[in-house]
């Protein structure tokens, strides 16, 4: 699973909008493998950052597939973002 989760989550996707969502809505955005499903993304994020994911939304953009991940209330997106290299 360790190898698989590193192939699913490529890197954090940081924009002005994603930084605002991180503070207000407890969400982070990641560039993910275009073949990954929402369930696979959820498992990979939970295993990598030791947290619980409430919801995963995906969209296809020019840079690839973007997953917007909302975390459960007891987990802070800012803390997870610092571990993901956002700051």
C-alpha atoms as a PDB file:
ATOM      1  CA  UNK A   1       0.000   0.000   0.000  1.00  0.00           C
ATOM      2  CA  UNK A   2       2.902   2.393   0.684  1.00  0.00           C
ATOM      3  CA  UNK A   3       3.992   2.226  -2.926  1.00  0.00           C
ATOM      4  CA  UNK A   4       0.422   2.594  -4.186  1.00  0.00           C
ATOM      5  CA  UNK A   5      -0.443   5.683  -2.143  1.00  0.00           C
ATOM      6  CA  UNK A   6       2.653   7.497  -3.426  1.00  0.00           C
ATOM      7  CA  UNK A   7       1.574   6.784  -6.989  1.00  0.00           C
ATOM      8  CA  UNK A   8      -1.951   8.112  -6.347  1.00  0.00           C
ATOM      9  CA  UNK A   9      -1.116  11.415  -4.591  1.00  0.00           C
ATOM     10  CA  UNK A  10       1.388  13.288  -6.731  1.00  0.00           C
ATOM     11  CA  UNK A  11       1.617  16.619  -4.851  1.00  0.00           C
ATOM     12  CA  UNK A  12      -0.405  19.345  -3.171  1.00  0.00           C
ATOM     13  CA  UNK A  13      -2.113  21.861  -5.467  1.00  0.00           C
ATOM     14  CA  UNK A  14      -1.822  25.380  -4.060  1.00  0.00           C
ATOM     15  CA  UNK A  15      -3.806  28.333  -5.372  1.00  0.00           C
ATOM     16  CA  UNK A  16      -5.348  31.367  -3.738  1.00  0.00           C
ATOM     17  CA  UNK A  17      -8.724  29.638  -3.750  1.00  0.00           C
ATOM     18  CA  UNK A  18      -7.330  26.436  -2.223  1.00  0.00           C
ATOM     19  CA  UNK A  19      -5.623  28.406   0.555  1.00  0.00           C
ATOM     20  CA  UNK A  20      -8.941  30.127   1.335  1.00  0.00           C
ATOM     21  CA  UNK A  21     -10.757  26.761   1.391  1.00  0.00           C
ATOM     22  CA  UNK A  22      -8.088  25.360   3.680  1.00  0.00           C
ATOM     23  CA  UNK A  23      -8.757  28.070   6.262  1.00  0.00           C
ATOM     24  CA  UNK A  24     -12.533  28.347   5.931  1.00  0.00           C
ATOM     25  CA  UNK A  25     -13.740  24.872   4.922  1.00  0.00           C
ATOM     26  CA  UNK A  26     -11.006  22.497   6.187  1.00  0.00           C
ATOM     27  CA  UNK A  27     -10.130  21.340   2.635  1.00  0.00           C
ATOM     28  CA  UNK A  28      -6.925  20.629   0.730  1.00  0.00           C
ATOM     29  CA  UNK A  29      -6.354  20.040  -2.973  1.00  0.00           C
ATOM     30  CA  UNK A  30      -3.989  17.453  -4.442  1.00  0.00           C
ATOM     31  CA  UNK A  31      -2.899  16.598  -7.960  1.00  0.00           C
ATOM     32  CA  UNK A  32      -3.610  12.875  -8.262  1.00  0.00           C
ATOM     33  CA  UNK A  33      -3.150  10.122 -10.811  1.00  0.00           C
ATOM     34  CA  UNK A  34      -5.814  10.428 -13.505  1.00  0.00           C
ATOM     35  CA  UNK A  35      -6.815   6.761 -13.089  1.00  0.00           C
ATOM     36  CA  UNK A  36      -7.431   7.014  -9.308  1.00  0.00           C
ATOM     37  CA  UNK A  37     -10.974   6.707  -7.990  1.00  0.00           C
ATOM     38  CA  UNK A  38     -12.412   8.713  -5.105  1.00  0.00           C
ATOM     39  CA  UNK A  39     -12.207   5.696  -2.796  1.00  0.00           C
ATOM     40  CA  UNK A  40      -8.538   5.114  -3.669  1.00  0.00           C
ATOM     41  CA  UNK A  41      -7.749   8.797  -3.106  1.00  0.00           C
ATOM     42  CA  UNK A  42      -9.505   8.708   0.280  1.00  0.00           C
ATOM     43  CA  UNK A  43      -7.541   5.618   1.393  1.00  0.00           C
ATOM     44  CA  UNK A  44      -4.248   7.097   0.186  1.00  0.00           C
ATOM     45  CA  UNK A  45      -4.763  10.425   1.995  1.00  0.00           C
ATOM     46  CA  UNK A  46      -5.852   8.709   5.211  1.00  0.00           C
ATOM     47  CA  UNK A  47      -2.861   6.337   5.126  1.00  0.00           C
ATOM     48  CA  UNK A  48      -0.319   9.013   4.221  1.00  0.00           C
ATOM     49  CA  UNK A  49      -1.389  11.723   6.687  1.00  0.00           C
ATOM     50  CA  UNK A  50      -3.004   9.607   9.480  1.00  0.00           C
ATOM     51  CA  UNK A  51      -6.330  11.448   9.352  1.00  0.00           C
ATOM     52  CA  UNK A  52      -9.978  10.863   8.483  1.00  0.00           C
ATOM     53  CA  UNK A  53     -11.448  12.180   5.244  1.00  0.00           C
ATOM     54  CA  UNK A  54     -15.066  13.328   5.161  1.00  0.00           C
ATOM     55  CA  UNK A  55     -15.451  13.775   1.398  1.00  0.00           C
ATOM     56  CA  UNK A  56     -13.483  13.702  -1.856  1.00  0.00           C
ATOM     57  CA  UNK A  57     -14.418  15.654  -4.986  1.00  0.00           C
ATOM     58  CA  UNK A  58     -12.475  15.386  -8.229  1.00  0.00           C
ATOM     59  CA  UNK A  59     -12.139  17.486 -11.354  1.00  0.00           C
ATOM     60  CA  UNK A  60     -10.114  17.279 -14.541  1.00  0.00           C
ATOM     61  CA  UNK A  61      -8.123  20.415 -15.420  1.00  0.00           C
ATOM     62  CA  UNK A  62      -5.203  21.253 -17.666  1.00  0.00           C
ATOM     63  CA  UNK A  63      -2.571  20.151 -15.117  1.00  0.00           C
ATOM     64  CA  UNK A  64      -4.315  16.781 -14.572  1.00  0.00           C
ATOM     65  CA  UNK A  65      -6.817  15.420 -12.093  1.00  0.00           C
ATOM     66  CA  UNK A  66      -7.365  17.522  -8.966  1.00  0.00           C
ATOM     67  CA  UNK A  67      -8.865  16.011  -5.804  1.00  0.00           C
ATOM     68  CA  UNK A  68     -10.444  18.339  -3.260  1.00  0.00           C
ATOM     69  CA  UNK A  69     -10.352  16.561   0.100  1.00  0.00           C
ATOM     70  CA  UNK A  70     -12.457  17.703   3.065  1.00  0.00           C
ATOM     71  CA  UNK A  71     -11.277  16.437   6.435  1.00  0.00           C
ATOM     72  CA  UNK A  72     -13.289  15.516   9.522  1.00  0.00           C
ATOM     73  CA  UNK A  73     -13.641  18.341  12.069  1.00  0.00           C
ATOM     74  CA  UNK A  74     -11.092  16.928  14.514  1.00  0.00           C
ATOM     75  CA  UNK A  75      -8.332  17.099  11.873  1.00  0.00           C
ATOM     76  CA  UNK A  76      -6.973  20.461  10.745  1.00  0.00           C
ATOM     77  CA  UNK A  77      -6.285  20.991   7.035  1.00  0.00           C
ATOM     78  CA  UNK A  78      -3.596  23.520   7.987  1.00  0.00           C
ATOM     79  CA  UNK A  79      -1.681  20.905  10.006  1.00  0.00           C
ATOM     80  CA  UNK A  80      -2.003  18.330   7.245  1.00  0.00           C
ATOM     81  CA  UNK A  81      -1.043  20.963   4.676  1.00  0.00           C
ATOM     82  CA  UNK A  82       2.157  21.720   6.536  1.00  0.00           C
ATOM     83  CA  UNK A  83       3.023  18.002   6.460  1.00  0.00           C
ATOM     84  CA  UNK A  84       2.172  17.901   2.736  1.00  0.00           C
ATOM     85  CA  UNK A  85       4.565  20.745   1.977  1.00  0.00           C
ATOM     86  CA  UNK A  86       2.024  23.500   1.288  1.00  0.00           C
ATOM     87  CA  UNK A  87       3.852  26.014   3.512  1.00  0.00           C
END
